[in-house]
Amino acid sequence: MEYSAKDKRIYLHLGDRVTHMWREEWGEGAVVEERTSVVPGGTCLVRVLFEDGQQRTFNNDLDHEQCCYVFGVRRKWSFDASQWEPAQAAHHGARKPRLR
């Protein structure tokens, strides 16, 4: 059986904005790094940069008893760069042909 990072239930993703339920003094945070091991039984970590200037590392596997969700980290909103589509230029009607 081949093991992959897809076998884990990931809670936070790069760019997600978070807050901590019991640590208001930390302020809001943003996920700046995510690491998921492809080794069976390996760790799944996420690093969050909070407004107080500190980076804190949490377990990011929802199936793990020490997941950051259990310890009070809550997602405020998320940003998925892979779903991002570039904006189209505004189209102001058909162009008129140039006369020469």
PDB file of N, CA and C in Angstrom:
ATOM      1  N   MET A   1       0.839  -1.178   0.000  1.00  0.00           N
ATOM      2  CA  MET A   1       0.000   0.000   0.000  1.00  0.00           C
ATOM      3  C   MET A   1       0.885   1.243   0.000  1.00  0.00           C
ATOM      4  N   GLU A   2       0.604   2.121  -0.916  1.00  0.00           N
ATOM      5  CA  GLU A   2       1.366   3.366  -0.992  1.00  0.00           C
ATOM      6  C   GLU A   2       0.725   4.414  -0.102  1.00  0.00           C
ATOM      7  N   TYR A   3       1.559   5.116   0.629  1.00  0.00           N
ATOM      8  CA  TYR A   3       1.080   6.136   1.559  1.00  0.00           C
ATOM      9  C   TYR A   3       1.329   7.508   0.955  1.00  0.00           C
ATOM     10  N   SER A   4       0.393   8.418   1.159  1.00  0.00           N
ATOM     11  CA  SER A   4       0.593   9.786   0.669  1.00  0.00           C
ATOM     12  C   SER A   4      -0.007  10.778   1.654  1.00  0.00           C
ATOM     13  N   ALA A   5       0.292  12.044   1.456  1.00  0.00           N
ATOM     14  CA  ALA A   5      -0.231  13.103   2.316  1.00  0.00           C
ATOM     15  C   ALA A   5      -1.748  13.206   2.184  1.00  0.00           C
ATOM     16  N   LYS A   6      -2.305  12.646   1.126  1.00  0.00           N
ATOM     17  CA  LYS A   6      -3.758  12.694   0.927  1.00  0.00           C
ATOM     18  C   LYS A   6      -4.494  11.841   1.959  1.00  0.00           C
ATOM     19  N   ASP A   7      -3.762  10.970   2.654  1.00  0.00           N
ATOM     20  CA  ASP A   7      -4.381  10.106   3.659  1.00  0.00           C
ATOM     21  C   ASP A   7      -4.660  10.849   4.964  1.00  0.00           C
ATOM     22  N   LYS A   8      -4.205  12.069   5.084  1.00  0.00           N
ATOM     23  CA  LYS A   8      -4.429  12.862   6.290  1.00  0.00           C
ATOM     24  C   LYS A   8      -5.561  13.854   6.050  1.00  0.00           C
ATOM     25  N   ARG A   9      -6.281  14.158   7.123  1.00  0.00           N
ATOM     26  CA  ARG A   9      -7.327  15.184   7.059  1.00  0.00           C
ATOM     27  C   ARG A   9      -6.710  16.504   7.507  1.00  0.00           C
ATOM     28  N   ILE A  10      -6.385  17.348   6.548  1.00  0.00           N
ATOM     29  CA  ILE A  10      -5.705  18.610   6.805  1.00  0.00           C
ATOM     30  C   ILE A  10      -6.737  19.667   7.203  1.00  0.00           C
ATOM     31  N   TYR A  11      -6.428  20.413   8.282  1.00  0.00           N
ATOM     32  CA  TYR A  11      -7.334  21.466   8.754  1.00  0.00           C
ATOM     33  C   TYR A  11      -6.984  22.818   8.137  1.00  0.00           C
ATOM     34  N   LEU A  12      -5.752  23.259   8.275  1.00  0.00           N
ATOM     35  CA  LEU A  12      -5.340  24.576   7.790  1.00  0.00           C
ATOM     36  C   LEU A  12      -4.475  24.457   6.545  1.00  0.00           C
ATOM     37  N   HIS A  13      -4.530  25.492   5.716  1.00  0.00           N
ATOM     38  CA  HIS A  13      -3.737  25.537   4.492  1.00  0.00           C
ATOM     39  C   HIS A  13      -2.997  26.867   4.415  1.00  0.00           C
ATOM     40  N   LEU A  14      -1.973  26.910   3.593  1.00  0.00           N
ATOM     41  CA  LEU A  14      -1.172  28.101   3.419  1.00  0.00           C
ATOM     42  C   LEU A  14      -2.061  29.299   3.079  1.00  0.00           C
ATOM     43  N   GLY A  15      -1.887  30.386   3.812  1.00  0.00           N
ATOM     44  CA  GLY A  15      -2.663  31.599   3.562  1.00  0.00           C
ATOM     45  C   GLY A  15      -3.900  31.748   4.426  1.00  0.00           C
ATOM     46  N   ASP A  16      -4.324  30.690   5.099  1.00  0.00           N
ATOM     47  CA  ASP A  16      -5.508  30.783   5.966  1.00  0.00           C
ATOM     48  C   ASP A  16      -5.262  31.786   7.086  1.00  0.00           C
ATOM     49  N   ARG A  17      -6.287  32.538   7.431  1.00  0.00           N
ATOM     50  CA  ARG A  17      -6.237  33.451   8.573  1.00  0.00           C
ATOM     51  C   ARG A  17      -6.883  32.733   9.745  1.00  0.00           C
ATOM     52  N   VAL A  18      -6.245  32.826  10.926  1.00  0.00           N
ATOM     53  CA  VAL A  18      -6.721  32.098  12.096  1.00  0.00           C
ATOM     54  C   VAL A  18      -6.738  33.007  13.324  1.00  0.00           C
ATOM     55  N   THR A  19      -7.390  32.521  14.353  1.00  0.00           N
ATOM     56  CA  THR A  19      -7.364  33.145  15.668  1.00  0.00           C
ATOM     57  C   THR A  19      -7.322  32.025  16.696  1.00  0.00           C
ATOM     58  N   HIS A  20      -6.896  32.359  17.907  1.00  0.00           N
ATOM     59  CA  HIS A  20      -6.856  31.365  18.972  1.00  0.00           C
ATOM     60  C   HIS A  20      -7.933  31.717  19.983  1.00  0.00           C
ATOM     61  N   MET A  21      -8.761  30.741  20.337  1.00  0.00           N
ATOM     62  CA  MET A  21      -9.920  30.978  21.204  1.00  0.00           C
ATOM     63  C   MET A  21      -9.537  31.485  22.591  1.00  0.00           C
ATOM     64  N   TRP A  22      -8.409  31.034  23.125  1.00  0.00           N
ATOM     65  CA  TRP A  22      -8.066  31.348  24.508  1.00  0.00           C
ATOM     66  C   TRP A  22      -6.863  32.268  24.637  1.00  0.00           C
ATOM     67  N   ARG A  23      -6.264  32.661  23.544  1.00  0.00           N
ATOM     68  CA  ARG A  23      -5.071  33.505  23.566  1.00  0.00           C
ATOM     69  C   ARG A  23      -5.300  34.778  22.757  1.00  0.00           C
ATOM     70  N   GLU A  24      -6.203  35.623  23.221  1.00  0.00           N
ATOM     71  CA  GLU A  24      -6.516  36.861  22.506  1.00  0.00           C
ATOM     72  C   GLU A  24      -5.295  37.751  22.356  1.00  0.00           C
ATOM     73  N   GLU A  25      -4.359  37.667  23.317  1.00  0.00           N
ATOM     74  CA  GLU A  25      -3.166  38.509  23.275  1.00  0.00           C
ATOM     75  C   GLU A  25      -2.268  38.186  22.078  1.00  0.00           C
ATOM     76  N   TRP A  26      -2.432  37.007  21.468  1.00  0.00           N
ATOM     77  CA  TRP A  26      -1.653  36.661  20.285  1.00  0.00           C
ATOM     78  C   TRP A  26      -2.136  37.435  19.069  1.00  0.00           C
ATOM     79  N   GLY A  27      -3.409  37.819  19.049  1.00  0.00           N
ATOM     80  CA  GLY A  27      -3.993  38.473  17.885  1.00  0.00           C
ATOM     81  C   GLY A  27      -4.318  37.454  16.801  1.00  0.00           C
ATOM     82  N   GLU A  28      -4.636  37.963  15.635  1.00  0.00           N
ATOM     83  CA  GLU A  28      -4.907  37.077  14.503  1.00  0.00           C
ATOM     84  C   GLU A  28      -3.592  36.563  13.941  1.00  0.00           C
ATOM     85  N   GLY A  29      -3.694  35.465  13.208  1.00  0.00           N
ATOM     86  CA  GLY A  29      -2.501  34.891  12.607  1.00  0.00           C
ATOM     87  C   GLY A  29      -2.751  34.457  11.180  1.00  0.00           C
ATOM     88  N   ALA A  30      -1.670  34.164  10.491  1.00  0.00           N
ATOM     89  CA  ALA A  30      -1.749  33.665   9.117  1.00  0.00           C
ATOM     90  C   ALA A  30      -0.842  32.454   8.994  1.00  0.00           C
ATOM     91  N   VAL A  31      -1.326  31.445   8.299  1.00  0.00           N
ATOM     92  CA  VAL A  31      -0.516  30.240   8.061  1.00  0.00           C
ATOM     93  C   VAL A  31       0.574  30.599   7.059  1.00  0.00           C
ATOM     94  N   VAL A  32       1.826  30.445   7.479  1.00  0.00           N
ATOM     95  CA  VAL A  32       2.959  30.799   6.624  1.00  0.00           C
ATOM     96  C   VAL A  32       3.725  29.582   6.122  1.00  0.00           C
ATOM     97  N   GLU A  33       3.449  28.413   6.712  1.00  0.00           N
ATOM     98  CA  GLU A  33       4.136  27.194   6.267  1.00  0.00           C
ATOM     99  C   GLU A  33       3.307  25.979   6.652  1.00  0.00           C
ATOM    100  N   GLU A  34       3.271  25.008   5.750  1.00  0.00           N
ATOM    101  CA  GLU A  34       2.626  23.734   6.087  1.00  0.00           C
ATOM    102  C   GLU A  34       3.538  22.610   5.638  1.00  0.00           C
ATOM    103  N   ARG A  35       3.675  21.611   6.507  1.00  0.00           N
ATOM    104  CA  ARG A  35       4.543  20.468   6.229  1.00  0.00           C
ATOM    105  C   ARG A  35       3.796  19.189   6.552  1.00  0.00           C
ATOM    106  N   THR A  36       3.733  18.305   5.594  1.00  0.00           N
ATOM    107  CA  THR A  36       3.051  17.031   5.779  1.00  0.00           C
ATOM    108  C   THR A  36       3.979  15.917   5.328  1.00  0.00           C
ATOM    109  N   SER A  37       4.274  15.019   6.231  1.00  0.00           N
ATOM    110  CA  SER A  37       5.152  13.906   5.936  1.00  0.00           C
ATOM    111  C   SER A  37       4.419  12.863   5.090  1.00  0.00           C
ATOM    112  N   VAL A  38       5.132  12.254   4.164  1.00  0.00           N
ATOM    113  CA  VAL A  38       4.550  11.170   3.373  1.00  0.00           C
ATOM    114  C   VAL A  38       4.943   9.812   3.937  1.00  0.00           C
ATOM    115  N   VAL A  39       5.647   9.809   5.057  1.00  0.00           N
ATOM    116  CA  VAL A  39       6.042   8.582   5.738  1.00  0.00           C
ATOM    117  C   VAL A  39       4.877   8.113   6.613  1.00  0.00           C
ATOM    118  N   PRO A  40       4.513   6.838   6.589  1.00  0.00           N
ATOM    119  CA  PRO A  40       3.418   6.361   7.441  1.00  0.00           C
ATOM    120  C   PRO A  40       3.666   6.718   8.903  1.00  0.00           C
ATOM    121  N   GLY A  41       2.682   7.333   9.528  1.00  0.00           N
ATOM    122  CA  GLY A  41       2.800   7.749  10.917  1.00  0.00           C
ATOM    123  C   GLY A  41       3.545   9.055  11.094  1.00  0.00           C
ATOM    124  N   GLY A  42       3.929   9.688   9.992  1.00  0.00           N
ATOM    125  CA  GLY A  42       4.670  10.946  10.043  1.00  0.00           C
ATOM    126  C   GLY A  42       3.794  12.100  10.501  1.00  0.00           C
ATOM    127  N   THR A  43       4.438  13.207  10.817  1.00  0.00           N
ATOM    128  CA  THR A  43       3.711  14.353  11.343  1.00  0.00           C
ATOM    129  C   THR A  43       3.128  15.222  10.242  1.00  0.00           C
ATOM    130  N   CYS A  44       2.213  16.045  10.652  1.00  0.00           N
ATOM    131  CA  CYS A  44       1.534  16.989   9.777  1.00  0.00           C
ATOM    132  C   CYS A  44       1.491  18.306  10.555  1.00  0.00           C
ATOM    133  N   LEU A  45       2.358  19.240  10.184  1.00  0.00           N
ATOM    134  CA  LEU A  45       2.514  20.454  10.966  1.00  0.00           C
ATOM    135  C   LEU A  45       2.147  21.695  10.164  1.00  0.00           C
ATOM    136  N   VAL A  46       1.778  22.743  10.893  1.00  0.00           N
ATOM    137  CA  VAL A  46       1.491  24.030  10.283  1.00  0.00           C
ATOM    138  C   VAL A  46       2.130  25.102  11.162  1.00  0.00           C
ATOM    139  N   ARG A  47       2.732  26.101  10.520  1.00  0.00           N
ATOM    140  CA  ARG A  47       3.342  27.209  11.254  1.00  0.00           C
ATOM    141  C   ARG A  47       2.507  28.458  11.016  1.00  0.00           C
ATOM    142  N   VAL A  48       2.160  29.136  12.121  1.00  0.00           N
ATOM    143  CA  VAL A  48       1.299  30.315  12.061  1.00  0.00           C
ATOM    144  C   VAL A  48       2.061  31.519  12.606  1.00  0.00           C
ATOM    145  N   LEU A  49       2.045  32.614  11.861  1.00  0.00           N
ATOM    146  CA  LEU A  49       2.630  33.871  12.312  1.00  0.00           C
ATOM    147  C   LEU A  49       1.504  34.724  12.872  1.00  0.00           C
ATOM    148  N   PHE A  50       1.588  35.028  14.174  1.00  0.00           N
ATOM    149  CA  PHE A  50       0.556  35.819  14.842  1.00  0.00           C
ATOM    150  C   PHE A  50       0.944  37.291  14.882  1.00  0.00           C
ATOM    151  N   GLU A  51      -0.047  38.143  15.169  1.00  0.00           N
ATOM    152  CA  GLU A  51       0.173  39.582  15.213  1.00  0.00           C
ATOM    153  C   GLU A  51       1.176  40.000  16.281  1.00  0.00           C
ATOM    154  N   ASP A  52       1.376  39.182  17.294  1.00  0.00           N
ATOM    155  CA  ASP A  52       2.354  39.525  18.336  1.00  0.00           C
ATOM    156  C   ASP A  52       3.791  39.291  17.864  1.00  0.00           C
ATOM    157  N   GLY A  53       3.950  38.861  16.605  1.00  0.00           N
ATOM    158  CA  GLY A  53       5.276  38.675  16.020  1.00  0.00           C
ATOM    159  C   GLY A  53       5.864  37.292  16.205  1.00  0.00           C
ATOM    160  N   GLN A  54       5.170  36.412  16.896  1.00  0.00           N
ATOM    161  CA  GLN A  54       5.672  35.067  17.158  1.00  0.00           C
ATOM    162  C   GLN A  54       5.117  34.065  16.143  1.00  0.00           C
ATOM    163  N   GLN A  55       5.970  33.147  15.718  1.00  0.00           N
ATOM    164  CA  GLN A  55       5.530  32.025  14.899  1.00  0.00           C
ATOM    165  C   GLN A  55       5.340  30.837  15.826  1.00  0.00           C
ATOM    166  N   ARG A  56       4.189  30.197  15.700  1.00  0.00           N
ATOM    167  CA  ARG A  56       3.892  29.035  16.531  1.00  0.00           C
ATOM    168  C   ARG A  56       3.554  27.855  15.623  1.00  0.00           C
ATOM    169  N   THR A  57       4.000  26.677  16.036  1.00  0.00           N
ATOM    170  CA  THR A  57       3.811  25.474  15.239  1.00  0.00           C
ATOM    171  C   THR A  57       2.768  24.581  15.898  1.00  0.00           C
ATOM    172  N   PHE A  58       1.852  24.057  15.084  1.00  0.00           N
ATOM    173  CA  PHE A  58       0.757  23.218  15.576  1.00  0.00           C
ATOM    174  C   PHE A  58       0.643  21.961  14.723  1.00  0.00           C
ATOM    175  N   ASN A  59       0.053  20.929  15.313  1.00  0.00           N
ATOM    176  CA  ASN A  59      -0.296  19.723  14.571  1.00  0.00           C
ATOM    177  C   ASN A  59      -1.508  20.067  13.709  1.00  0.00           C
ATOM    178  N   ASN A  60      -1.511  19.620  12.453  1.00  0.00           N
ATOM    179  CA  ASN A  60      -2.540  20.034  11.500  1.00  0.00           C
ATOM    180  C   ASN A  60      -3.406  18.879  10.994  1.00  0.00           C
ATOM    181  N   ASP A  61      -3.344  17.723  11.637  1.00  0.00           N
ATOM    182  CA  ASP A  61      -4.118  16.550  11.211  1.00  0.00           C
ATOM    183  C   ASP A  61      -5.374  16.443  12.074  1.00  0.00           C
ATOM    184  N   LEU A  62      -6.542  16.610  11.464  1.00  0.00           N
ATOM    185  CA  LEU A  62      -7.804  16.563  12.209  1.00  0.00           C
ATOM    186  C   LEU A  62      -8.050  15.222  12.889  1.00  0.00           C
ATOM    187  N   ASP A  63      -7.417  14.160  12.419  1.00  0.00           N
ATOM    188  CA  ASP A  63      -7.594  12.845  13.035  1.00  0.00           C
ATOM    189  C   ASP A  63      -6.648  12.611  14.215  1.00  0.00           C
ATOM    190  N   HIS A  64      -5.775  13.569  14.489  1.00  0.00           N
ATOM    191  CA  HIS A  64      -4.810  13.423  15.570  1.00  0.00           C
ATOM    192  C   HIS A  64      -5.363  14.069  16.839  1.00  0.00           C
ATOM    193  N   GLU A  65      -5.102  13.453  17.991  1.00  0.00           N
ATOM    194  CA  GLU A  65      -5.632  13.958  19.261  1.00  0.00           C
ATOM    195  C   GLU A  65      -5.028  15.303  19.663  1.00  0.00           C
ATOM    196  N   GLN A  66      -3.908  15.693  19.050  1.00  0.00           N
ATOM    197  CA  GLN A  66      -3.281  16.975  19.369  1.00  0.00           C
ATOM    198  C   GLN A  66      -3.435  17.992  18.238  1.00  0.00           C
ATOM    199  N   CYS A  67      -4.466  17.844  17.426  1.00  0.00           N
ATOM    200  CA  CYS A  67      -4.708  18.771  16.325  1.00  0.00           C
ATOM    201  C   CYS A  67      -4.900  20.195  16.864  1.00  0.00           C
ATOM    202  N   CYS A  68      -4.462  21.169  16.098  1.00  0.00           N
ATOM    203  CA  CYS A  68      -4.569  22.566  16.519  1.00  0.00           C
ATOM    204  C   CYS A  68      -6.019  22.975  16.759  1.00  0.00           C
ATOM    205  N   TYR A  69      -6.969  22.341  16.074  1.00  0.00           N
ATOM    206  CA  TYR A  69      -8.386  22.651  16.294  1.00  0.00           C
ATOM    207  C   TYR A  69      -8.787  22.323  17.731  1.00  0.00           C
ATOM    208  N   VAL A  70      -8.333  21.191  18.235  1.00  0.00           N
ATOM    209  CA  VAL A  70      -8.638  20.771  19.603  1.00  0.00           C
ATOM    210  C   VAL A  70      -8.033  21.755  20.603  1.00  0.00           C
ATOM    211  N   PHE A  71      -6.888  22.342  20.246  1.00  0.00           N
ATOM    212  CA  PHE A  71      -6.187  23.258  21.136  1.00  0.00           C
ATOM    213  C   PHE A  71      -6.600  24.714  20.949  1.00  0.00           C
ATOM    214  N   GLY A  72      -7.694  24.975  20.228  1.00  0.00           N
ATOM    215  CA  GLY A  72      -8.269  26.313  20.181  1.00  0.00           C
ATOM    216  C   GLY A  72      -7.987  27.158  18.962  1.00  0.00           C
ATOM    217  N   VAL A  73      -7.283  26.650  17.974  1.00  0.00           N
ATOM    218  CA  VAL A  73      -7.027  27.428  16.762  1.00  0.00           C
ATOM    219  C   VAL A  73      -8.249  27.324  15.859  1.00  0.00           C
ATOM    220  N   ARG A  74      -8.772  28.481  15.452  1.00  0.00           N
ATOM    221  CA  ARG A  74      -9.952  28.503  14.588  1.00  0.00           C
ATOM    222  C   ARG A  74      -9.662  29.301  13.328  1.00  0.00           C
ATOM    223  N   ARG A  75     -10.102  28.766  12.201  1.00  0.00           N
ATOM    224  CA  ARG A  75      -9.924  29.420  10.907  1.00  0.00           C
ATOM    225  C   ARG A  75     -10.936  30.548  10.774  1.00  0.00           C
ATOM    226  N   LYS A  76     -10.462  31.732  10.406  1.00  0.00           N
ATOM    227  CA  LYS A  76     -11.351  32.866  10.164  1.00  0.00           C
ATOM    228  C   LYS A  76     -11.802  32.871   8.712  1.00  0.00           C
ATOM    229  N   TRP A  77     -10.877  32.718   7.798  1.00  0.00           N
ATOM    230  CA  TRP A  77     -11.167  32.573   6.377  1.00  0.00           C
ATOM    231  C   TRP A  77      -9.972  31.937   5.718  1.00  0.00           C
ATOM    232  N   SER A  78     -10.202  31.413   4.531  1.00  0.00           N
ATOM    233  CA  SER A  78      -9.109  30.715   3.868  1.00  0.00           C
ATOM    234  C   SER A  78      -8.927  31.232   2.451  1.00  0.00           C
ATOM    235  N   PHE A  79      -7.768  30.953   1.902  1.00  0.00           N
ATOM    236  CA  PHE A  79      -7.398  31.361   0.565  1.00  0.00           C
ATOM    237  C   PHE A  79      -6.732  30.181  -0.108  1.00  0.00           C
ATOM    238  N   ASP A  80      -7.307  29.738  -1.201  1.00  0.00           N
ATOM    239  CA  ASP A  80      -6.744  28.601  -1.916  1.00  0.00           C
ATOM    240  C   ASP A  80      -6.141  29.092  -3.234  1.00  0.00           C
ATOM    241  N   ALA A  81      -4.818  29.188  -3.270  1.00  0.00           N
ATOM    242  CA  ALA A  81      -4.135  29.724  -4.448  1.00  0.00           C
ATOM    243  C   ALA A  81      -4.366  28.863  -5.682  1.00  0.00           C
ATOM    244  N   SER A  82      -4.607  27.572  -5.513  1.00  0.00           N
ATOM    245  CA  SER A  82      -4.806  26.712  -6.675  1.00  0.00           C
ATOM    246  C   SER A  82      -6.162  26.959  -7.346  1.00  0.00           C
ATOM    247  N   GLN A  83      -7.095  27.564  -6.623  1.00  0.00           N
ATOM    248  CA  GLN A  83      -8.416  27.867  -7.180  1.00  0.00           C
ATOM    249  C   GLN A  83      -8.490  29.282  -7.748  1.00  0.00           C
ATOM    250  N   TRP A  84      -7.413  30.037  -7.580  1.00  0.00           N
ATOM    251  CA  TRP A  84      -7.387  31.434  -8.007  1.00  0.00           C
ATOM    252  C   TRP A  84      -7.348  31.514  -9.520  1.00  0.00           C
ATOM    253  N   GLU A  85      -8.166  32.374 -10.091  1.00  0.00           N
ATOM    254  CA  GLU A  85      -8.154  32.581 -11.528  1.00  0.00           C
ATOM    255  C   GLU A  85      -7.833  34.039 -11.804  1.00  0.00           C
ATOM    256  N   PRO A  86      -7.003  34.319 -12.788  1.00  0.00           N
ATOM    257  CA  PRO A  86      -6.687  35.715 -13.089  1.00  0.00           C
ATOM    258  C   PRO A  86      -7.925  36.452 -13.590  1.00  0.00           C
ATOM    259  N   ALA A  87      -7.995  37.708 -13.247  1.00  0.00           N
ATOM    260  CA  ALA A  87      -9.130  38.529 -13.687  1.00  0.00           C
ATOM    261  C   ALA A  87      -9.026  38.786 -15.178  1.00  0.00           C
ATOM    262  N   GLN A  88     -10.152  38.826 -15.836  1.00  0.00           N
ATOM    263  CA  GLN A  88     -10.198  39.129 -17.257  1.00  0.00           C
ATOM    264  C   GLN A  88     -10.209  40.650 -17.436  1.00  0.00           C
ATOM    265  N   ALA A  89      -9.572  41.109 -18.473  1.00  0.00           N
ATOM    266  CA  ALA A  89      -9.592  42.540 -18.778  1.00  0.00           C
ATOM    267  C   ALA A  89     -11.013  42.941 -19.149  1.00  0.00           C
ATOM    268  N   ALA A  90     -11.382  44.118 -18.737  1.00  0.00           N
ATOM    269  CA  ALA A  90     -12.730  44.610 -19.062  1.00  0.00           C
ATOM    270  C   ALA A  90     -12.862  44.763 -20.570  1.00  0.00           C
ATOM    271  N   HIS A  91     -13.985  44.333 -21.100  1.00  0.00           N
ATOM    272  CA  HIS A  91     -14.238  44.404 -22.532  1.00  0.00           C
ATOM    273  C   HIS A  91     -15.293  45.482 -22.755  1.00  0.00           C
ATOM    274  N   HIS A  92     -14.922  46.515 -23.452  1.00  0.00           N
ATOM    275  CA  HIS A  92     -15.821  47.659 -23.643  1.00  0.00           C
ATOM    276  C   HIS A  92     -16.440  47.663 -25.036  1.00  0.00           C
ATOM    277  N   GLY A  93     -16.871  46.546 -25.497  1.00  0.00           N
ATOM    278  CA  GLY A  93     -17.501  46.486 -26.816  1.00  0.00           C
ATOM    279  C   GLY A  93     -16.497  46.107 -27.894  1.00  0.00           C
ATOM    280  N   ALA A  94     -17.016  45.855 -29.061  1.00  0.00           N
ATOM    281  CA  ALA A  94     -16.173  45.449 -30.186  1.00  0.00           C
ATOM    282  C   ALA A  94     -15.339  46.623 -30.675  1.00  0.00           C
ATOM    283  N   ARG A  95     -14.133  46.321 -31.093  1.00  0.00           N
ATOM    284  CA  ARG A  95     -13.274  47.368 -31.641  1.00  0.00           C
ATOM    285  C   ARG A  95     -13.723  47.730 -33.049  1.00  0.00           C
ATOM    286  N   LYS A  96     -13.647  48.987 -33.338  1.00  0.00           N
ATOM    287  CA  LYS A  96     -13.972  49.444 -34.698  1.00  0.00           C
ATOM    288  C   LYS A  96     -12.741  49.251 -35.568  1.00  0.00           C
ATOM    289  N   PRO A  97     -12.932  48.817 -36.794  1.00  0.00           N
ATOM    290  CA  PRO A  97     -11.772  48.666 -37.677  1.00  0.00           C
ATOM    291  C   PRO A  97     -11.159  50.033 -38.000  1.00  0.00           C
ATOM    292  N   ARG A  98      -9.835  50.047 -38.129  1.00  0.00           N
ATOM    293  CA  ARG A  98      -9.144  51.282 -38.473  1.00  0.00           C
ATOM    294  C   ARG A  98      -9.246  51.545 -39.966  1.00  0.00           C
ATOM    295  N   LEU A  99      -9.462  52.766 -40.305  1.00  0.00           N
ATOM    296  CA  LEU A  99      -9.461  53.175 -41.711  1.00  0.00           C
ATOM    297  C   LEU A  99      -8.067  53.639 -42.066  1.00  0.00           C
ATOM    298  N   ARG A 100      -7.606  53.246 -43.238  1.00  0.00           N
ATOM    299  CA  ARG A 100      -6.257  53.661 -43.670  1.00  0.00           C
ATOM    300  C   ARG A 100      -6.326  54.590 -44.814  1.00  0.00           C
TER     301      ARG A 100
END
